[in-house]
């Protein structure tokens, strides 16, 4: 008999899939649209960019927009 995943496991898997498919920015936008919980966006930002330099964030943004532009062309 297959093991039944806990609610926490399902949430974590769902978040991973969202971030993989949508990217960080769009996944956060999606979650904010479907959720009614209060959020501390500064804490989310701190976790999302923890350990990254401004240059790291800039490179990640460039990569995101390059992929998004390529997807629109195809």
C-alpha atoms as a PDB file:
ATOM      1  CA  UNK A   1       0.000   0.000   0.000  1.00  0.00           C
ATOM      2  CA  UNK A   2       1.445   3.439  -0.935  1.00  0.00           C
ATOM      3  CA  UNK A   3       2.390   5.814   1.846  1.00  0.00           C
ATOM      4  CA  UNK A   4       0.024   8.759   2.249  1.00  0.00           C
ATOM      5  CA  UNK A   5       1.841  12.086   2.193  1.00  0.00           C
ATOM      6  CA  UNK A   6       1.285  14.512   5.038  1.00  0.00           C
ATOM      7  CA  UNK A   7      -0.228  17.933   4.386  1.00  0.00           C
ATOM      8  CA  UNK A   8       3.185  19.498   4.928  1.00  0.00           C
ATOM      9  CA  UNK A   9       4.806  17.167   2.378  1.00  0.00           C
ATOM     10  CA  UNK A  10       2.121  17.982  -0.179  1.00  0.00           C
ATOM     11  CA  UNK A  11       2.556  21.734   0.388  1.00  0.00           C
ATOM     12  CA  UNK A  12       6.338  21.482   0.027  1.00  0.00           C
ATOM     13  CA  UNK A  13       6.053  19.457  -3.174  1.00  0.00           C
ATOM     14  CA  UNK A  14       3.512  21.896  -4.581  1.00  0.00           C
ATOM     15  CA  UNK A  15       5.732  24.883  -3.792  1.00  0.00           C
ATOM     16  CA  UNK A  16       8.744  23.203  -5.435  1.00  0.00           C
ATOM     17  CA  UNK A  17       6.715  22.503  -8.569  1.00  0.00           C
ATOM     18  CA  UNK A  18       5.353  26.062  -8.693  1.00  0.00           C
ATOM     19  CA  UNK A  19       8.823  27.571  -8.355  1.00  0.00           C
ATOM     20  CA  UNK A  20      10.257  25.194 -10.967  1.00  0.00           C
ATOM     21  CA  UNK A  21       7.499  25.834 -13.504  1.00  0.00           C
ATOM     22  CA  UNK A  22       6.786  29.529 -12.899  1.00  0.00           C
ATOM     23  CA  UNK A  23      10.049  30.844 -11.490  1.00  0.00           C
ATOM     24  CA  UNK A  24      10.358  32.647  -8.177  1.00  0.00           C
ATOM     25  CA  UNK A  25       8.634  35.904  -9.053  1.00  0.00           C
ATOM     26  CA  UNK A  26       5.591  34.419 -10.801  1.00  0.00           C
ATOM     27  CA  UNK A  27       5.209  31.679  -8.172  1.00  0.00           C
ATOM     28  CA  UNK A  28       5.077  34.294  -5.415  1.00  0.00           C
ATOM     29  CA  UNK A  29       2.609  36.366  -7.441  1.00  0.00           C
ATOM     30  CA  UNK A  30       0.426  33.290  -7.943  1.00  0.00           C
ATOM     31  CA  UNK A  31       0.503  32.367  -4.273  1.00  0.00           C
ATOM     32  CA  UNK A  32      -0.383  35.907  -3.243  1.00  0.00           C
ATOM     33  CA  UNK A  33      -3.410  35.837  -5.565  1.00  0.00           C
ATOM     34  CA  UNK A  34      -4.861  32.610  -4.193  1.00  0.00           C
ATOM     35  CA  UNK A  35      -4.050  33.039  -0.519  1.00  0.00           C
ATOM     36  CA  UNK A  36      -5.767  35.237   2.014  1.00  0.00           C
ATOM     37  CA  UNK A  37      -3.202  34.859   4.778  1.00  0.00           C
ATOM     38  CA  UNK A  38      -1.337  37.860   6.080  1.00  0.00           C
ATOM     39  CA  UNK A  39       2.229  37.822   4.833  1.00  0.00           C
ATOM     40  CA  UNK A  40       5.345  39.645   5.864  1.00  0.00           C
ATOM     41  CA  UNK A  41       6.855  40.302   2.455  1.00  0.00           C
ATOM     42  CA  UNK A  42      10.084  41.573   3.972  1.00  0.00           C
ATOM     43  CA  UNK A  43      10.624  38.201   5.661  1.00  0.00           C
ATOM     44  CA  UNK A  44       9.797  36.401   2.400  1.00  0.00           C
ATOM     45  CA  UNK A  45      12.286  38.632   0.592  1.00  0.00           C
ATOM     46  CA  UNK A  46      14.954  37.937   3.206  1.00  0.00           C
ATOM     47  CA  UNK A  47      14.472  34.164   2.848  1.00  0.00           C
ATOM     48  CA  UNK A  48      14.278  34.279  -0.943  1.00  0.00           C
ATOM     49  CA  UNK A  49      17.495  36.254  -1.362  1.00  0.00           C
ATOM     50  CA  UNK A  50      19.385  35.019   1.708  1.00  0.00           C
ATOM     51  CA  UNK A  51      23.101  34.765   1.051  1.00  0.00           C
ATOM     52  CA  UNK A  52      22.828  36.420  -2.374  1.00  0.00           C
ATOM     53  CA  UNK A  53      24.640  39.555  -3.462  1.00  0.00           C
ATOM     54  CA  UNK A  54      23.004  42.241  -5.557  1.00  0.00           C
ATOM     55  CA  UNK A  55      25.021  40.894  -8.485  1.00  0.00           C
ATOM     56  CA  UNK A  56      23.634  37.378  -7.872  1.00  0.00           C
ATOM     57  CA  UNK A  57      20.070  38.721  -7.842  1.00  0.00           C
ATOM     58  CA  UNK A  58      20.707  40.754 -11.000  1.00  0.00           C
ATOM     59  CA  UNK A  59      22.117  37.710 -12.832  1.00  0.00           C
ATOM     60  CA  UNK A  60      19.147  35.602 -11.728  1.00  0.00           C
ATOM     61  CA  UNK A  61      16.738  38.292 -12.971  1.00  0.00           C
ATOM     62  CA  UNK A  62      18.543  38.484 -16.320  1.00  0.00           C
ATOM     63  CA  UNK A  63      18.340  34.703 -16.685  1.00  0.00           C
ATOM     64  CA  UNK A  64      14.634  34.721 -15.799  1.00  0.00           C
ATOM     65  CA  UNK A  65      13.768  37.392 -18.374  1.00  0.00           C
ATOM     66  CA  UNK A  66      15.975  35.742 -21.013  1.00  0.00           C
ATOM     67  CA  UNK A  67      14.085  32.444 -20.519  1.00  0.00           C
ATOM     68  CA  UNK A  68      10.725  34.211 -20.491  1.00  0.00           C
ATOM     69  CA  UNK A  69      11.558  36.048 -23.732  1.00  0.00           C
ATOM     70  CA  UNK A  70      12.694  32.790 -25.372  1.00  0.00           C
ATOM     71  CA  UNK A  71       9.471  31.068 -24.309  1.00  0.00           C
ATOM     72  CA  UNK A  72       7.377  33.835 -25.883  1.00  0.00           C
ATOM     73  CA  UNK A  73       9.273  33.485 -29.177  1.00  0.00           C
ATOM     74  CA  UNK A  74       8.659  29.733 -29.378  1.00  0.00           C
END
